Amino acid sequence: DLELHLQRCQQLTVTVLTDHQDLNNTELKTIMNSTAPRQYRIRAKLRTYNPQKLHQSVKLHCSKCNSLQEVPDGDNFDLILQASAITAPNPELHNTAWYNSVMWTTQDQKQRKIAIHFVKHDEMLQEPEDTLLMIEGGTLKEVWKLTKRFKCVIPVRSTEDDLELLDLSAPFLLQGNVKYYGCKQCSSPKPIKNLSSMAAEQHPSWEPTEIAQVLGIELLQYVFIMKFTLVDETGALNAYLFDY
């Protein structure tokens, strides 16, 4: 809808921004010669907007270091999953006090070993829609299948002592159709066993912000960014939109 609206705006002779109805119209030249912060109402044309494709406006923002980055594509995630599947799941890390494990070998030529660890609450498994699970050795397609049935999915790999998160270029958590990323610069990943403290809570919510905090991840937020160039007879002004 917004993309269509912007196209229409470019076709119109004049675009009127309807906010601040109590203010008189101010020329762009006056605004550029003023000090911020101030509120103005303008009457101007929309000359250009960027990016041209709306999906390119979505970025990942770290509120701690204020960095912006592109949202990784699915191919990148798939490659990271394939690389992690080279290391077979460590059976010594299965079936602990706070999660139950299931492992099987795929029937294809690669004969991948896949392990899924279902986090327990009060020594019991929760309903699928309330369950957090961790997967080792899965493909992108298999991970997405799990997200359709279970509340939270965390891709992991085995070490000698514990399960660990994958490279932070990959999402550390998937919930529904949303991928959650951590800031490489600001995160200090902690052992996966720290999740056991959340499992011990009376009503584990498995909220992404809480999971990130327990795992030492600085959560990146999805933001919407656009740049508009507005013009009137006195000059041109760049306007930036930044919103969560």
Protein backbone atom coordinates (compact mmCIF):
# COMPACT_ATOMS: atom_id res chain seq x y z
CA ASP A 1 0.00 0.00 0.00
CA LEU A 2 2.80 2.41 0.89
CA GLU A 3 4.66 1.70 -2.35
CA LEU A 4 1.50 2.42 -4.34
CA HIS A 5 0.91 5.57 -2.29
CA LEU A 6 4.45 6.80 -2.99
CA GLN A 7 3.98 6.22 -6.72
CA ARG A 8 0.80 8.26 -6.61
CA CYS A 9 2.57 11.00 -4.66
CA GLN A 10 5.14 11.33 -7.41
CA GLN A 11 2.37 11.71 -9.97
CA LEU A 12 0.64 14.52 -8.07
CA THR A 13 1.69 18.13 -8.67
CA VAL A 14 1.73 18.91 -4.96
CA THR A 15 1.76 16.66 -1.93
CA VAL A 16 0.36 18.11 1.29
CA LEU A 17 1.65 16.68 4.57
CA THR A 18 -1.32 16.97 6.88
CA ASP A 19 0.38 16.85 10.30
CA HIS A 20 0.63 19.95 12.56
CA GLN A 21 -2.60 21.54 11.29
CA ASP A 22 -2.18 24.34 13.83
CA LEU A 23 1.03 25.54 12.10
CA ASN A 24 1.37 27.73 9.04
CA ASN A 25 3.27 26.42 6.02
CA THR A 26 7.02 27.06 6.18
CA GLU A 27 9.36 27.28 3.19
CA LEU A 28 12.08 24.63 3.01
CA LYS A 29 14.79 27.32 2.87
CA THR A 30 13.66 28.61 6.26
CA ILE A 31 13.73 25.10 7.73
CA MET A 32 17.27 24.47 6.44
CA ASN A 33 18.48 27.69 8.06
CA SER A 34 16.89 26.87 11.42
CA THR A 35 18.29 24.88 14.34
CA ALA A 36 16.76 21.60 15.46
CA PRO A 37 14.59 20.47 17.12
CA ARG A 38 11.55 22.32 15.72
CA GLN A 39 8.17 21.35 14.29
CA TYR A 40 7.04 22.58 10.90
CA ARG A 41 4.25 22.13 8.43
CA ILE A 42 5.33 22.18 4.80
CA ARG A 43 3.81 22.20 1.34
CA ALA A 44 6.19 20.46 -1.05
CA LYS A 45 6.64 18.03 -3.92
CA LEU A 46 8.12 14.56 -3.47
CA ARG A 47 11.03 14.45 -5.91
CA THR A 48 12.52 11.04 -5.04
CA TYR A 49 12.42 8.31 -2.42
CA ASN A 50 14.86 5.55 -1.55
CA PRO A 51 15.02 2.62 -1.56
CA GLN A 52 12.79 2.09 -4.60
CA LYS A 53 11.69 -1.40 -3.47
CA LEU A 54 9.86 -1.44 -0.17
CA HIS A 55 11.39 -4.70 1.16
CA GLN A 56 14.84 -3.08 0.96
CA SER A 57 13.72 -0.59 3.61
CA VAL A 58 13.81 -3.24 6.34
CA LYS A 59 17.15 -3.40 8.19
CA LEU A 60 18.49 -4.81 11.46
CA HIS A 61 19.44 -2.28 14.15
CA CYS A 62 21.48 -2.70 17.32
CA SER A 63 20.37 -0.23 19.98
CA LYS A 64 23.62 -0.74 21.91
CA CYS A 65 26.23 0.11 19.24
CA ASN A 66 23.70 1.85 16.94
CA SER A 67 24.82 -0.20 13.93
CA LEU A 68 22.61 -0.99 10.95
CA GLN A 69 22.91 -4.06 8.75
CA GLU A 70 21.10 -5.80 5.94
CA VAL A 71 18.75 -8.66 6.80
CA PRO A 72 20.58 -11.87 5.74
CA ASP A 73 18.85 -13.94 3.08
CA GLY A 74 17.71 -17.53 3.49
CA ASP A 75 20.54 -18.91 1.35
CA ASN A 76 23.11 -17.67 3.86
CA PHE A 77 21.24 -19.37 6.71
CA ASP A 78 21.02 -22.61 4.72
CA LEU A 79 24.80 -22.63 4.12
CA ILE A 80 25.47 -22.15 7.84
CA LEU A 81 23.11 -25.03 8.67
CA GLN A 82 24.85 -27.26 6.12
CA ALA A 83 28.27 -26.42 7.57
CA SER A 84 27.11 -27.17 11.12
CA ALA A 85 25.65 -30.54 10.01
CA ILE A 86 29.16 -31.79 9.21
CA THR A 87 29.72 -32.22 12.95
CA ALA A 88 27.59 -35.14 14.16
CA PRO A 89 25.50 -34.66 17.32
CA ASN A 90 27.29 -35.69 20.50
CA PRO A 91 25.20 -38.45 22.19
CA GLU A 92 26.76 -37.62 25.56
CA LEU A 93 24.83 -34.34 25.52
CA HIS A 94 21.44 -36.02 25.04
CA ASN A 95 18.62 -36.43 27.58
CA THR A 96 19.67 -34.11 30.38
CA ALA A 97 17.66 -33.03 33.41
CA TRP A 98 16.08 -30.17 31.46
CA TYR A 99 15.58 -31.54 27.93
CA ASN A 100 14.69 -34.79 26.17
CA SER A 101 16.54 -35.75 22.98
CA VAL A 102 15.59 -37.67 19.86
CA MET A 103 18.14 -38.60 17.17
CA TRP A 104 17.80 -40.28 13.80
CA THR A 105 19.66 -40.74 10.52
CA THR A 106 18.18 -39.50 7.25
CA GLN A 107 17.46 -42.05 4.52
CA ASP A 108 19.11 -40.06 1.73
CA GLN A 109 22.65 -40.56 0.39
CA LYS A 110 24.18 -38.13 2.85
CA GLN A 111 22.70 -40.01 5.83
CA ARG A 112 22.72 -36.93 8.02
CA LYS A 113 22.32 -37.34 11.74
CA ILE A 114 19.67 -35.04 13.18
CA ALA A 115 19.07 -34.44 16.87
CA ILE A 116 16.14 -32.54 18.39
CA HIS A 117 16.20 -31.55 22.04
CA PHE A 118 12.82 -30.76 23.61
CA VAL A 119 13.11 -28.49 26.64
CA LYS A 120 11.09 -29.76 29.63
CA HIS A 121 9.15 -27.85 32.28
CA ASP A 122 8.57 -29.46 35.69
CA GLU A 123 10.19 -32.59 34.24
CA MET A 124 7.39 -32.77 31.67
CA LEU A 125 7.20 -31.89 27.99
CA GLN A 126 4.91 -28.96 27.22
CA GLU A 127 2.29 -28.74 24.50
CA PRO A 128 3.91 -28.12 21.07
CA GLU A 129 2.60 -24.54 20.91
CA ASP A 130 4.40 -23.82 24.21
CA THR A 131 7.58 -25.81 23.51
CA LEU A 132 11.12 -24.57 22.96
CA LEU A 133 13.32 -27.02 21.10
CA MET A 134 16.88 -27.08 19.79
CA ILE A 135 17.87 -28.77 16.53
CA GLU A 136 21.23 -30.11 15.31
CA GLY A 137 21.96 -31.13 11.72
CA GLY A 138 18.68 -29.93 10.21
CA THR A 139 18.21 -28.29 6.83
CA LEU A 140 16.46 -24.96 6.31
CA LYS A 141 13.33 -26.79 5.14
CA GLU A 142 13.30 -29.01 8.25
CA VAL A 143 13.80 -26.02 10.55
CA TRP A 144 10.84 -24.17 8.99
CA LYS A 145 8.64 -27.27 9.37
CA LEU A 146 9.38 -27.29 13.08
CA THR A 147 8.57 -23.59 13.48
CA LYS A 148 5.08 -24.23 12.13
CA ARG A 149 4.31 -26.62 14.97
CA PHE A 150 6.46 -25.56 17.94
CA LYS A 151 6.71 -22.17 19.62
CA CYS A 152 10.48 -21.61 19.45
CA VAL A 153 13.32 -23.27 17.54
CA ILE A 154 17.02 -22.70 18.29
CA PRO A 155 19.59 -24.12 15.83
CA VAL A 156 22.61 -25.51 17.72
CA ARG A 157 25.67 -27.74 17.33
CA SER A 158 27.57 -30.03 19.67
CA THR A 159 30.84 -29.37 21.42
CA GLU A 160 32.58 -31.71 23.85
CA ASP A 161 30.90 -30.11 26.86
CA ASP A 162 27.66 -28.47 25.77
CA LEU A 163 25.42 -27.44 22.93
CA GLU A 164 26.24 -24.03 21.44
CA LEU A 165 24.67 -21.47 19.13
CA LEU A 166 25.69 -21.30 15.49
CA ASP A 167 27.55 -18.37 13.94
CA LEU A 168 25.60 -15.17 14.69
CA SER A 169 25.29 -14.59 10.95
CA ALA A 170 22.45 -17.08 11.36
CA PRO A 171 19.33 -16.39 13.44
CA PHE A 172 19.81 -17.65 17.00
CA LEU A 173 16.06 -18.14 17.39
CA LEU A 174 13.05 -18.73 15.13
CA GLN A 175 9.49 -18.12 16.24
CA GLY A 176 6.67 -18.57 13.76
CA ASN A 177 7.90 -16.96 10.54
CA VAL A 178 10.19 -14.48 12.33
CA LYS A 179 13.98 -14.92 12.49
CA TYR A 180 15.74 -13.28 15.43
CA TYR A 181 19.36 -12.15 15.07
CA GLY A 182 22.04 -11.08 17.53
CA CYS A 183 24.64 -8.34 17.15
CA LYS A 184 28.06 -9.90 16.48
CA GLN A 185 29.84 -6.93 18.00
CA CYS A 186 27.84 -6.58 21.23
CA SER A 187 26.86 -10.20 21.99
CA SER A 188 28.80 -12.47 24.33
CA PRO A 189 27.15 -15.88 23.80
CA LYS A 190 26.72 -17.95 26.96
CA PRO A 191 26.32 -21.73 27.29
CA ILE A 192 22.99 -23.16 26.12
CA LYS A 193 22.52 -24.74 29.57
CA ASN A 194 21.65 -21.23 30.82
CA LEU A 195 18.22 -21.84 29.28
CA SER A 196 17.56 -24.33 32.08
CA SER A 197 16.93 -21.39 34.42
CA MET A 198 14.04 -20.27 32.20
CA ALA A 199 12.67 -23.82 32.00
CA ALA A 200 12.57 -23.85 35.80
CA GLU A 201 10.30 -20.78 35.93
CA GLN A 202 6.68 -21.26 36.97
CA HIS A 203 5.33 -20.22 33.55
CA PRO A 204 8.12 -20.13 30.93
CA SER A 205 7.06 -17.61 28.28
CA TRP A 206 9.98 -18.19 25.93
CA GLU A 207 9.92 -14.54 24.87
CA PRO A 208 12.75 -13.67 22.43
CA THR A 209 14.01 -10.77 24.59
CA GLU A 210 14.32 -13.04 27.64
CA ILE A 211 15.94 -15.86 25.67
CA ALA A 212 18.44 -13.38 24.21
CA GLN A 213 19.31 -12.03 27.65
CA VAL A 214 19.86 -15.50 29.14
CA LEU A 215 22.07 -16.51 26.19
CA GLY A 216 24.13 -13.30 26.28
CA ILE A 217 22.77 -12.06 22.94
CA GLU A 218 22.26 -8.39 22.13
CA LEU A 219 19.03 -8.65 20.18
CA LEU A 220 18.86 -6.88 16.82
CA GLN A 221 15.57 -5.15 16.06
CA TYR A 222 13.89 -4.93 12.67
CA VAL A 223 13.62 -1.28 11.61
CA PHE A 224 12.00 0.48 8.66
CA ILE A 225 14.12 3.17 6.99
CA MET A 226 13.36 5.46 4.05
CA LYS A 227 14.77 8.68 2.61
CA PHE A 228 12.55 11.24 0.90
CA THR A 229 13.71 14.28 -1.06
CA LEU A 230 11.13 17.09 -0.78
CA VAL A 231 11.25 20.25 -2.90
CA ASP A 232 9.50 23.60 -3.13
CA GLU A 233 10.40 26.83 -4.95
CA THR A 234 12.96 27.72 -2.24
CA GLY A 235 15.04 24.56 -2.09
CA ALA A 236 15.27 20.80 -1.44
CA LEU A 237 15.21 18.93 1.85
CA ASN A 238 16.07 15.31 2.66
CA ALA A 239 13.68 13.70 5.14
CA TYR A 240 14.47 10.39 6.84
CA LEU A 241 12.00 7.90 8.27
CA PHE A 242 13.28 5.50 10.96
CA ASP A 243 10.78 3.38 12.86
CA TYR A 244 10.56 0.02 14.63
